[in-house]
Amino acid sequence: MLSWSHFVAEAPHVAEVFERRHRATKNLCLLATLRSDGFPRISPMEPRIFDGHLVMVGMPGTTKFQDLARDPRFCLHTATEDPYVGDGDAKLWGSAVDLEEKDFHQRFVEDLFAESGFDLRGREFDPFYVADLEGASSIELEGNQLKITVWKPGQGERVVYKS
């Protein structure tokens, strides 16, 4: 599994754009999954970076988690509010992995409570999804060109400019 820590080491620029946009939208992202009929589904999600992992947080039993249980592939997109992407934009894709480490779950909810006051302490989580990243990209405007940075595991980042 490729953790958030490894992603940041291999793709520091894309990770920085993702984290900047993630903070700017108060953690809001859009999650793309595949419905049971094969069509795509877009759902809001507030993923959190914790202890070297990108934790895919949400209400248990929702359709997005049913989708991931059936087919773990996803795409996560930072919420866009500026059609000119003046602050950049990022997409991550990969597979959701059920991290069954109960001590990790409890450390996560303690941190979540300390940071936000949202109290999930004492709850059991099944599943508890973290991202296994398989690719990512970011876009930024440089002058009148789009700077597109693309990453795949083991290949580093490459930059393409589009006019």
C-alpha atoms as a PDB file:
ATOM      1  CA  MET A   1       0.000   0.000   0.000  1.00  0.00           C
ATOM      2  CA  LEU A   2       1.318   3.447  -0.919  1.00  0.00           C
ATOM      3  CA  SER A   3       0.692   5.697   2.078  1.00  0.00           C
ATOM      4  CA  TRP A   4       0.332   9.461   2.185  1.00  0.00           C
ATOM      5  CA  SER A   5       3.884   9.734   3.534  1.00  0.00           C
ATOM      6  CA  HIS A   6       5.314   7.912   0.519  1.00  0.00           C
ATOM      7  CA  PHE A   7       3.156   9.987  -1.819  1.00  0.00           C
ATOM      8  CA  VAL A   8       4.501  13.238  -0.327  1.00  0.00           C
ATOM      9  CA  ALA A   9       8.077  11.957  -0.706  1.00  0.00           C
ATOM     10  CA  GLU A  10       7.522  11.012  -4.379  1.00  0.00           C
ATOM     11  CA  ALA A  11       5.195  13.851  -5.414  1.00  0.00           C
ATOM     12  CA  PRO A  12       5.921  16.867  -3.209  1.00  0.00           C
ATOM     13  CA  HIS A  13       4.456  19.431  -5.603  1.00  0.00           C
ATOM     14  CA  VAL A  14       1.150  17.653  -6.230  1.00  0.00           C
ATOM     15  CA  ALA A  15       0.874  16.919  -2.485  1.00  0.00           C
ATOM     16  CA  GLU A  16       1.437  20.606  -1.687  1.00  0.00           C
ATOM     17  CA  VAL A  17      -1.291  21.704  -4.129  1.00  0.00           C
ATOM     18  CA  PHE A  18      -3.685  19.095  -2.699  1.00  0.00           C
ATOM     19  CA  GLU A  19      -2.979  20.117   0.896  1.00  0.00           C
ATOM     20  CA  ARG A  20      -3.325  23.837   0.093  1.00  0.00           C
ATOM     21  CA  ARG A  21      -6.697  23.340  -1.643  1.00  0.00           C
ATOM     22  CA  HIS A  22      -7.803  20.869   1.050  1.00  0.00           C
ATOM     23  CA  ARG A  23      -7.176  23.468   3.772  1.00  0.00           C
ATOM     24  CA  ALA A  24      -8.800  26.274   1.741  1.00  0.00           C
ATOM     25  CA  THR A  25     -12.066  24.328   1.474  1.00  0.00           C
ATOM     26  CA  LYS A  26     -12.039  23.194   5.129  1.00  0.00           C
ATOM     27  CA  ASN A  27     -11.197  19.614   4.043  1.00  0.00           C
ATOM     28  CA  LEU A  28     -14.034  19.335   1.510  1.00  0.00           C
ATOM     29  CA  CYS A  29     -13.314  17.198  -1.551  1.00  0.00           C
ATOM     30  CA  LEU A  30     -15.398  15.370  -4.129  1.00  0.00           C
ATOM     31  CA  LEU A  31     -15.156  11.595  -4.232  1.00  0.00           C
ATOM     32  CA  ALA A  32     -15.865   9.657  -7.418  1.00  0.00           C
ATOM     33  CA  THR A  33     -16.859   6.006  -7.014  1.00  0.00           C
ATOM     34  CA  LEU A  34     -18.605   3.453  -9.201  1.00  0.00           C
ATOM     35  CA  ARG A  35     -22.251   2.618  -8.519  1.00  0.00           C
ATOM     36  CA  SER A  36     -23.524  -0.954  -8.674  1.00  0.00           C
ATOM     37  CA  ASP A  37     -24.854  -0.303 -12.201  1.00  0.00           C
ATOM     38  CA  GLY A  38     -21.389   0.843 -13.328  1.00  0.00           C
ATOM     39  CA  PHE A  39     -22.192   4.539 -13.607  1.00  0.00           C
ATOM     40  CA  PRO A  40     -20.030   7.042 -11.700  1.00  0.00           C
ATOM     41  CA  ARG A  41     -21.153   8.652  -8.453  1.00  0.00           C
ATOM     42  CA  ILE A  42     -19.821  11.946  -7.062  1.00  0.00           C
ATOM     43  CA  SER A  43     -20.119  12.476  -3.304  1.00  0.00           C
ATOM     44  CA  PRO A  44     -18.770  15.072  -0.905  1.00  0.00           C
ATOM     45  CA  MET A  45     -16.080  13.829   1.456  1.00  0.00           C
ATOM     46  CA  GLU A  46     -13.835  15.372   4.096  1.00  0.00           C
ATOM     47  CA  PRO A  47     -10.686  13.235   3.996  1.00  0.00           C
ATOM     48  CA  ARG A  48      -8.063  13.825   6.652  1.00  0.00           C
ATOM     49  CA  ILE A  49      -4.327  13.366   6.607  1.00  0.00           C
ATOM     50  CA  PHE A  50      -3.345  11.542   9.780  1.00  0.00           C
ATOM     51  CA  ASP A  51      -0.308   9.575  10.871  1.00  0.00           C
ATOM     52  CA  GLY A  52       1.041   9.035   7.349  1.00  0.00           C
ATOM     53  CA  HIS A  53      -2.297   8.083   5.785  1.00  0.00           C
ATOM     54  CA  LEU A  54      -5.062   9.799   3.863  1.00  0.00           C
ATOM     55  CA  VAL A  55      -8.131   8.705   5.851  1.00  0.00           C
ATOM     56  CA  MET A  56     -11.358   8.592   3.861  1.00  0.00           C
ATOM     57  CA  VAL A  57     -13.813   9.867   6.456  1.00  0.00           C
ATOM     58  CA  GLY A  58     -17.587   9.694   6.179  1.00  0.00           C
ATOM     59  CA  MET A  59     -20.787   8.408   7.677  1.00  0.00           C
ATOM     60  CA  PRO A  60     -20.803   4.592   7.813  1.00  0.00           C
ATOM     61  CA  GLY A  61     -23.324   2.800   5.613  1.00  0.00           C
ATOM     62  CA  THR A  62     -23.580   5.580   3.026  1.00  0.00           C
ATOM     63  CA  THR A  63     -23.739   4.704  -0.644  1.00  0.00           C
ATOM     64  CA  LYS A  64     -20.203   5.973  -1.266  1.00  0.00           C
ATOM     65  CA  PHE A  65     -18.888   3.401   1.227  1.00  0.00           C
ATOM     66  CA  GLN A  66     -21.094   0.686  -0.273  1.00  0.00           C
ATOM     67  CA  ASP A  67     -19.555   1.606  -3.634  1.00  0.00           C
ATOM     68  CA  LEU A  68     -16.031   1.318  -2.214  1.00  0.00           C
ATOM     69  CA  ALA A  69     -16.811  -2.028  -0.572  1.00  0.00           C
ATOM     70  CA  ARG A  70     -17.916  -3.379  -3.956  1.00  0.00           C
ATOM     71  CA  ASP A  71     -15.173  -1.704  -6.021  1.00  0.00           C
ATOM     72  CA  PRO A  72     -12.443   0.080  -4.059  1.00  0.00           C
ATOM     73  CA  ARG A  73     -11.286   2.318  -6.938  1.00  0.00           C
ATOM     74  CA  PHE A  74     -11.834   6.041  -6.469  1.00  0.00           C
ATOM     75  CA  CYS A  75     -10.858   9.497  -7.636  1.00  0.00           C
ATOM     76  CA  LEU A  76     -10.677  12.333  -5.116  1.00  0.00           C
ATOM     77  CA  HIS A  77     -10.844  15.910  -6.365  1.00  0.00           C
ATOM     78  CA  THR A  78     -10.237  19.080  -4.373  1.00  0.00           C
ATOM     79  CA  ALA A  79     -13.352  21.214  -4.335  1.00  0.00           C
ATOM     80  CA  THR A  80     -13.124  23.923  -6.980  1.00  0.00           C
ATOM     81  CA  GLU A  81     -14.631  27.333  -6.430  1.00  0.00           C
ATOM     82  CA  ASP A  82     -12.646  29.343  -8.967  1.00  0.00           C
ATOM     83  CA  PRO A  83     -13.267  28.551 -12.664  1.00  0.00           C
ATOM     84  CA  TYR A  84      -9.820  30.027 -13.430  1.00  0.00           C
ATOM     85  CA  VAL A  85      -8.124  27.691 -10.885  1.00  0.00           C
ATOM     86  CA  GLY A  86      -6.078  30.600  -9.573  1.00  0.00           C
ATOM     87  CA  ASP A  87      -5.115  28.630  -6.455  1.00  0.00           C
ATOM     88  CA  GLY A  88      -4.627  25.347  -8.289  1.00  0.00           C
ATOM     89  CA  ASP A  89      -6.503  22.102  -8.211  1.00  0.00           C
ATOM     90  CA  ALA A  90      -5.575  18.471  -7.522  1.00  0.00           C
ATOM     91  CA  LYS A  91      -6.859  14.966  -8.158  1.00  0.00           C
ATOM     92  CA  LEU A  92      -5.771  11.742  -6.489  1.00  0.00           C
ATOM     93  CA  TRP A  93      -6.775   8.256  -7.533  1.00  0.00           C
ATOM     94  CA  GLY A  94      -6.263   4.789  -6.217  1.00  0.00           C
ATOM     95  CA  SER A  95      -8.022   2.192  -4.115  1.00  0.00           C
ATOM     96  CA  ALA A  96      -9.644   2.384  -0.701  1.00  0.00           C
ATOM     97  CA  VAL A  97      -8.111  -0.080   1.754  1.00  0.00           C
ATOM     98  CA  ASP A  98      -9.812  -1.150   4.974  1.00  0.00           C
ATOM     99  CA  LEU A  99      -7.238  -0.453   7.687  1.00  0.00           C
ATOM    100  CA  GLU A 100      -8.232  -2.812  10.492  1.00  0.00           C
ATOM    101  CA  GLU A 101      -5.834  -1.438  13.140  1.00  0.00           C
ATOM    102  CA  LYS A 102      -8.132  -0.598  16.077  1.00  0.00           C
ATOM    103  CA  ASP A 103      -5.434   1.433  17.867  1.00  0.00           C
ATOM    104  CA  PHE A 104      -5.041   3.593  14.737  1.00  0.00           C
ATOM    105  CA  HIS A 105      -8.829   4.163  14.676  1.00  0.00           C
ATOM    106  CA  GLN A 106      -8.811   5.333  18.284  1.00  0.00           C
ATOM    107  CA  ARG A 107      -5.785   7.623  17.810  1.00  0.00           C
ATOM    108  CA  PHE A 108      -7.536   9.085  14.776  1.00  0.00           C
ATOM    109  CA  VAL A 109     -10.785   9.831  16.623  1.00  0.00           C
ATOM    110  CA  GLU A 110      -8.882  11.334  19.562  1.00  0.00           C
ATOM    111  CA  ASP A 111      -7.077  13.647  17.133  1.00  0.00           C
ATOM    112  CA  LEU A 112     -10.335  14.465  15.330  1.00  0.00           C
ATOM    113  CA  PHE A 113     -11.995  15.346  18.635  1.00  0.00           C
ATOM    114  CA  ALA A 114      -9.054  17.507  19.761  1.00  0.00           C
ATOM    115  CA  GLU A 115      -9.010  19.359  16.435  1.00  0.00           C
ATOM    116  CA  SER A 116     -12.716  19.759  15.721  1.00  0.00           C
ATOM    117  CA  GLY A 117     -14.744  18.756  18.780  1.00  0.00           C
ATOM    118  CA  PHE A 118     -16.495  16.089  16.695  1.00  0.00           C
ATOM    119  CA  ASP A 119     -16.758  13.107  19.059  1.00  0.00           C
ATOM    120  CA  LEU A 120     -16.523   9.594  17.630  1.00  0.00           C
ATOM    121  CA  ARG A 121     -14.553   8.233  20.576  1.00  0.00           C
ATOM    122  CA  GLY A 122     -15.529   4.743  21.684  1.00  0.00           C
ATOM    123  CA  ARG A 123     -17.100   3.802  18.345  1.00  0.00           C
ATOM    124  CA  GLU A 124     -16.156   0.780  16.271  1.00  0.00           C
ATOM    125  CA  PHE A 125     -15.329   1.303  12.591  1.00  0.00           C
ATOM    126  CA  ASP A 126     -15.886  -1.348   9.973  1.00  0.00           C
ATOM    127  CA  PRO A 127     -14.706  -0.497   7.416  1.00  0.00           C
ATOM    128  CA  PHE A 128     -12.079   2.178   8.125  1.00  0.00           C
ATOM    129  CA  TYR A 129     -10.817   3.290   4.728  1.00  0.00           C
ATOM    130  CA  VAL A 130      -7.442   4.793   3.918  1.00  0.00           C
ATOM    131  CA  ALA A 131      -6.194   5.634   0.439  1.00  0.00           C
ATOM    132  CA  ASP A 132      -3.727   3.459  -1.455  1.00  0.00           C
ATOM    133  CA  LEU A 133      -2.663   6.014  -4.045  1.00  0.00           C
ATOM    134  CA  GLU A 134      -1.947   4.932  -7.617  1.00  0.00           C
ATOM    135  CA  GLY A 135      -1.708   8.332  -9.305  1.00  0.00           C
ATOM    136  CA  ALA A 136      -2.289  12.047  -8.927  1.00  0.00           C
ATOM    137  CA  SER A 137      -2.231  15.305 -10.813  1.00  0.00           C
ATOM    138  CA  SER A 138      -2.434  18.998 -10.147  1.00  0.00           C
ATOM    139  CA  ILE A 139      -3.111  22.007 -12.322  1.00  0.00           C
ATOM    140  CA  GLU A 140      -2.079  25.602 -11.791  1.00  0.00           C
ATOM    141  CA  LEU A 141      -2.189  28.683 -13.928  1.00  0.00           C
ATOM    142  CA  GLU A 142       1.232  30.096 -14.829  1.00  0.00           C
ATOM    143  CA  GLY A 143       0.849  33.241 -16.874  1.00  0.00           C
ATOM    144  CA  ASN A 144      -1.562  32.232 -19.623  1.00  0.00           C
ATOM    145  CA  GLN A 145      -0.625  28.525 -19.556  1.00  0.00           C
ATOM    146  CA  LEU A 146      -1.876  25.624 -17.490  1.00  0.00           C
ATOM    147  CA  LYS A 147       0.891  23.839 -15.620  1.00  0.00           C
ATOM    148  CA  ILE A 148      -0.143  20.200 -15.213  1.00  0.00           C
ATOM    149  CA  THR A 149       1.931  18.065 -12.858  1.00  0.00           C
ATOM    150  CA  VAL A 150       1.325  14.309 -13.101  1.00  0.00           C
ATOM    151  CA  TRP A 151       2.580  11.603 -10.750  1.00  0.00           C
ATOM    152  CA  LYS A 152       2.626   7.794 -10.838  1.00  0.00           C
ATOM    153  CA  PRO A 153       4.324   5.613  -8.191  1.00  0.00           C
ATOM    154  CA  GLY A 154       8.020   5.119  -8.815  1.00  0.00           C
ATOM    155  CA  GLN A 155       8.057   7.577 -11.733  1.00  0.00           C
ATOM    156  CA  GLY A 156       8.264  10.904  -9.916  1.00  0.00           C
ATOM    157  CA  GLU A 157       6.462  14.012 -11.089  1.00  0.00           C
ATOM    158  CA  ARG A 158       6.417  15.244 -14.674  1.00  0.00           C
ATOM    159  CA  VAL A 159       5.171  18.626 -15.847  1.00  0.00           C
ATOM    160  CA  VAL A 160       3.218  19.415 -19.007  1.00  0.00           C
ATOM    161  CA  TYR A 161       2.236  22.917 -20.121  1.00  0.00           C
ATOM    162  CA  LYS A 162      -0.947  23.613 -22.100  1.00  0.00           C
ATOM    163  CA  SER A 163      -1.791  26.894 -23.747  1.00  0.00           C
END
